[in-house]
């Protein structure tokens, strides 16, 4: 049993790494989208790529993009000082990635070694991660997108100077 429990914990840890890296890679694609461009296509490709680059127990993992990749909007709650993810809300600025070994996933359930003695030869294990794109704005007024009285979409502020004594790349450009 200890071997199987250790396998499940190691798989979960590997899956968390894969989910975290895929969510960050997918969310970063929103930074490169041109105005009016749908960044979800590039974000989906980035998520699939980063999940595949992070094996679980030495095996390549795959996403079911219909169920394991969810786009939505992240909101900041000023009162609670927390973020919330709203699946499907637009405009899209966040993504949730789930990496899993399950009967209905492309990876199948996680095989167990010794639990078969108790009638259990496989189990489901998963990990998920949410990442959001937070744009850098030149002025504070450019960044707030009021949702409700207690909730605000956030971004980081910049003084417009990247410190390199040129105008190239400054957020005010």
Protein backbone atom coordinates (compact mmCIF):
# COMPACT_ATOMS: atom_id res chain seq x y z
CA UNK A 1 0.00 0.00 0.00
CA UNK A 2 2.85 2.38 0.83
CA UNK A 3 4.26 1.98 -2.68
CA UNK A 4 0.88 2.79 -4.25
CA UNK A 5 0.28 5.78 -1.99
CA UNK A 6 3.78 7.04 -2.82
CA UNK A 7 3.04 6.59 -6.53
CA UNK A 8 -0.17 8.61 -6.18
CA UNK A 9 1.60 11.44 -4.32
CA UNK A 10 4.44 11.53 -6.85
CA UNK A 11 1.98 11.54 -9.74
CA UNK A 12 -0.01 14.35 -8.11
CA UNK A 13 3.17 16.39 -7.62
CA UNK A 14 4.21 15.88 -11.25
CA UNK A 15 0.71 16.79 -12.42
CA UNK A 16 0.73 19.99 -10.38
CA UNK A 17 4.01 21.03 -12.01
CA UNK A 18 2.56 20.30 -15.46
CA UNK A 19 -0.69 22.17 -14.71
CA UNK A 20 1.13 25.20 -13.27
CA UNK A 21 3.52 25.52 -16.21
CA UNK A 22 0.75 24.99 -18.77
CA UNK A 23 -1.53 27.57 -17.14
CA UNK A 24 1.26 30.17 -17.02
CA UNK A 25 2.22 29.49 -20.64
CA UNK A 26 -1.39 29.72 -21.79
CA UNK A 27 -2.09 32.94 -19.85
CA UNK A 28 1.06 34.53 -21.24
CA UNK A 29 -0.37 34.19 -24.76
CA UNK A 30 -2.93 36.89 -23.89
CA UNK A 31 -0.05 39.38 -23.70
CA UNK A 32 0.84 38.82 -27.35
CA UNK A 33 -2.64 38.93 -28.88
CA UNK A 34 -3.33 41.83 -31.21
CA UNK A 35 -6.44 43.91 -30.58
CA UNK A 36 -9.47 41.90 -31.62
CA UNK A 37 -7.47 38.69 -32.02
CA UNK A 38 -8.67 35.51 -30.28
CA UNK A 39 -5.71 34.49 -28.13
CA UNK A 40 -7.38 31.24 -27.03
CA UNK A 41 -6.04 29.34 -30.06
CA UNK A 42 -2.42 30.17 -29.20
CA UNK A 43 -3.14 29.66 -25.49
CA UNK A 44 -4.54 26.18 -26.18
CA UNK A 45 -1.46 25.23 -28.20
CA UNK A 46 0.84 26.53 -25.45
CA UNK A 47 -1.06 24.59 -22.77
CA UNK A 48 -0.88 21.35 -24.74
CA UNK A 49 2.82 21.88 -25.41
CA UNK A 50 3.71 22.55 -21.77
CA UNK A 51 1.69 19.61 -20.46
CA UNK A 52 3.52 17.33 -22.89
CA UNK A 53 6.89 18.81 -21.82
CA UNK A 54 6.23 17.91 -18.17
CA UNK A 55 5.91 14.13 -17.89
CA UNK A 56 4.12 12.45 -15.01
CA UNK A 57 6.02 9.51 -13.60
CA UNK A 58 8.10 9.55 -16.78
CA UNK A 59 5.08 9.42 -19.14
CA UNK A 60 3.97 12.14 -21.54
CA UNK A 61 0.61 13.64 -20.58
CA UNK A 62 -2.15 14.98 -22.82
CA UNK A 63 -5.06 17.37 -22.32
CA UNK A 64 -8.65 16.87 -23.35
CA UNK A 65 -9.12 20.45 -24.49
CA UNK A 66 -12.91 20.13 -24.16
CA UNK A 67 -12.78 19.41 -20.42
CA UNK A 68 -9.25 20.04 -19.11
CA UNK A 69 -8.76 23.58 -20.47
CA UNK A 70 -11.26 26.26 -19.43
CA UNK A 71 -11.03 29.92 -20.37
CA UNK A 72 -12.68 32.64 -18.34
CA UNK A 73 -12.12 35.85 -16.44
CA UNK A 74 -10.33 36.46 -13.15
CA UNK A 75 -11.65 39.11 -10.77
CA UNK A 76 -10.08 40.68 -7.72
CA UNK A 77 -12.27 41.08 -4.64
CA UNK A 78 -11.06 44.20 -2.81
CA UNK A 79 -12.92 43.32 0.38
CA UNK A 80 -11.62 39.76 0.73
CA UNK A 81 -8.29 40.51 -0.98
CA UNK A 82 -8.69 37.39 -3.14
CA UNK A 83 -9.05 36.49 -6.79
CA UNK A 84 -11.88 34.46 -8.26
CA UNK A 85 -12.08 32.66 -11.58
CA UNK A 86 -15.35 32.78 -13.54
CA UNK A 87 -15.34 30.12 -16.29
CA UNK A 88 -16.60 31.35 -19.66
CA UNK A 89 -16.78 35.01 -18.59
CA UNK A 90 -15.46 37.52 -21.11
CA UNK A 91 -13.35 39.29 -22.03
CA UNK A 92 -11.05 36.37 -21.36
CA UNK A 93 -7.99 37.01 -19.19
CA UNK A 94 -7.55 33.69 -17.35
CA UNK A 95 -7.30 29.96 -17.93
CA UNK A 96 -7.76 26.88 -15.77
CA UNK A 97 -5.79 23.75 -16.67
CA UNK A 98 -6.49 20.30 -15.24
CA UNK A 99 -3.95 17.53 -15.73
CA UNK A 100 -5.34 14.14 -14.86
CA UNK A 101 -5.08 10.41 -14.89
CA UNK A 102 -8.72 9.31 -15.06
CA UNK A 103 -10.89 6.82 -16.89
CA UNK A 104 -12.29 9.56 -19.16
CA UNK A 105 -8.97 11.35 -19.81
CA UNK A 106 -6.60 10.71 -22.73
CA UNK A 107 -4.07 9.50 -20.14
CA UNK A 108 -6.31 6.82 -18.63
CA UNK A 109 -6.42 6.04 -14.91
CA UNK A 110 -3.22 5.76 -12.87
CA UNK A 111 -2.18 2.10 -12.57
CA UNK A 112 -1.47 0.85 -9.05
CA UNK A 113 1.05 -1.84 -8.18
CA UNK A 114 -0.08 -3.69 -5.08
CA UNK A 115 -3.60 -2.41 -4.34
CA UNK A 116 -4.94 -5.13 -6.61
CA UNK A 117 -4.85 -7.36 -3.53
CA UNK A 118 -7.75 -5.22 -2.30
CA UNK A 119 -9.51 -5.21 -5.67
CA UNK A 120 -8.24 -1.80 -6.84
CA UNK A 121 -5.79 -1.84 -9.75
CA UNK A 122 -6.21 1.80 -10.93
CA UNK A 123 -7.19 5.18 -9.47
CA UNK A 124 -7.94 8.71 -10.59
CA UNK A 125 -5.45 11.48 -9.75
CA UNK A 126 -5.56 15.10 -10.90
CA UNK A 127 -4.17 18.57 -10.34
CA UNK A 128 -5.35 21.93 -11.60
CA UNK A 129 -4.03 25.45 -11.84
CA UNK A 130 -5.47 28.85 -12.74
CA UNK A 131 -3.39 31.66 -14.21
CA UNK A 132 -4.44 35.10 -15.36
CA UNK A 133 -2.96 37.73 -17.61
CA UNK A 134 -2.44 41.02 -15.76
CA UNK A 135 -1.53 43.80 -18.20
CA UNK A 136 0.83 46.59 -17.28
CA UNK A 137 -0.89 49.96 -17.54
CA UNK A 138 0.62 53.41 -17.73
CA UNK A 139 -2.06 55.09 -15.65
CA UNK A 140 -4.13 53.64 -12.86
CA UNK A 141 -7.34 54.75 -14.53
CA UNK A 142 -6.53 52.55 -17.54
CA UNK A 143 -6.43 49.41 -15.43
CA UNK A 144 -9.62 49.19 -13.46
CA UNK A 145 -12.55 47.46 -15.03
CA UNK A 146 -15.23 47.72 -12.38
CA UNK A 147 -17.40 44.62 -12.10
CA UNK A 148 -19.25 45.30 -8.86
CA UNK A 149 -18.79 47.52 -5.87
CA UNK A 150 -16.62 44.92 -4.15
CA UNK A 151 -14.86 43.43 -7.16
CA UNK A 152 -12.36 44.82 -9.66
CA UNK A 153 -10.33 43.41 -12.52
CA UNK A 154 -6.71 44.19 -11.65
CA UNK A 155 -3.49 44.94 -13.44
CA UNK A 156 -0.03 46.15 -12.48
CA UNK A 157 0.94 49.76 -12.89
CA UNK A 158 4.02 51.14 -14.52
CA UNK A 159 5.53 54.57 -14.50
CA UNK A 160 6.09 54.11 -18.23
CA UNK A 161 9.87 53.87 -17.84
CA UNK A 162 11.59 50.53 -18.20
CA UNK A 163 14.87 52.05 -17.04
CA UNK A 164 16.84 51.66 -20.25
CA UNK A 165 16.92 55.37 -21.23
CA UNK A 166 15.09 54.70 -24.50
CA UNK A 167 11.44 54.87 -25.39
CA UNK A 168 11.45 51.42 -26.95
CA UNK A 169 9.40 48.95 -24.90
CA UNK A 170 8.11 51.49 -22.39
CA UNK A 171 4.53 50.76 -21.41
CA UNK A 172 3.57 54.27 -22.50
CA UNK A 173 4.60 53.48 -26.12
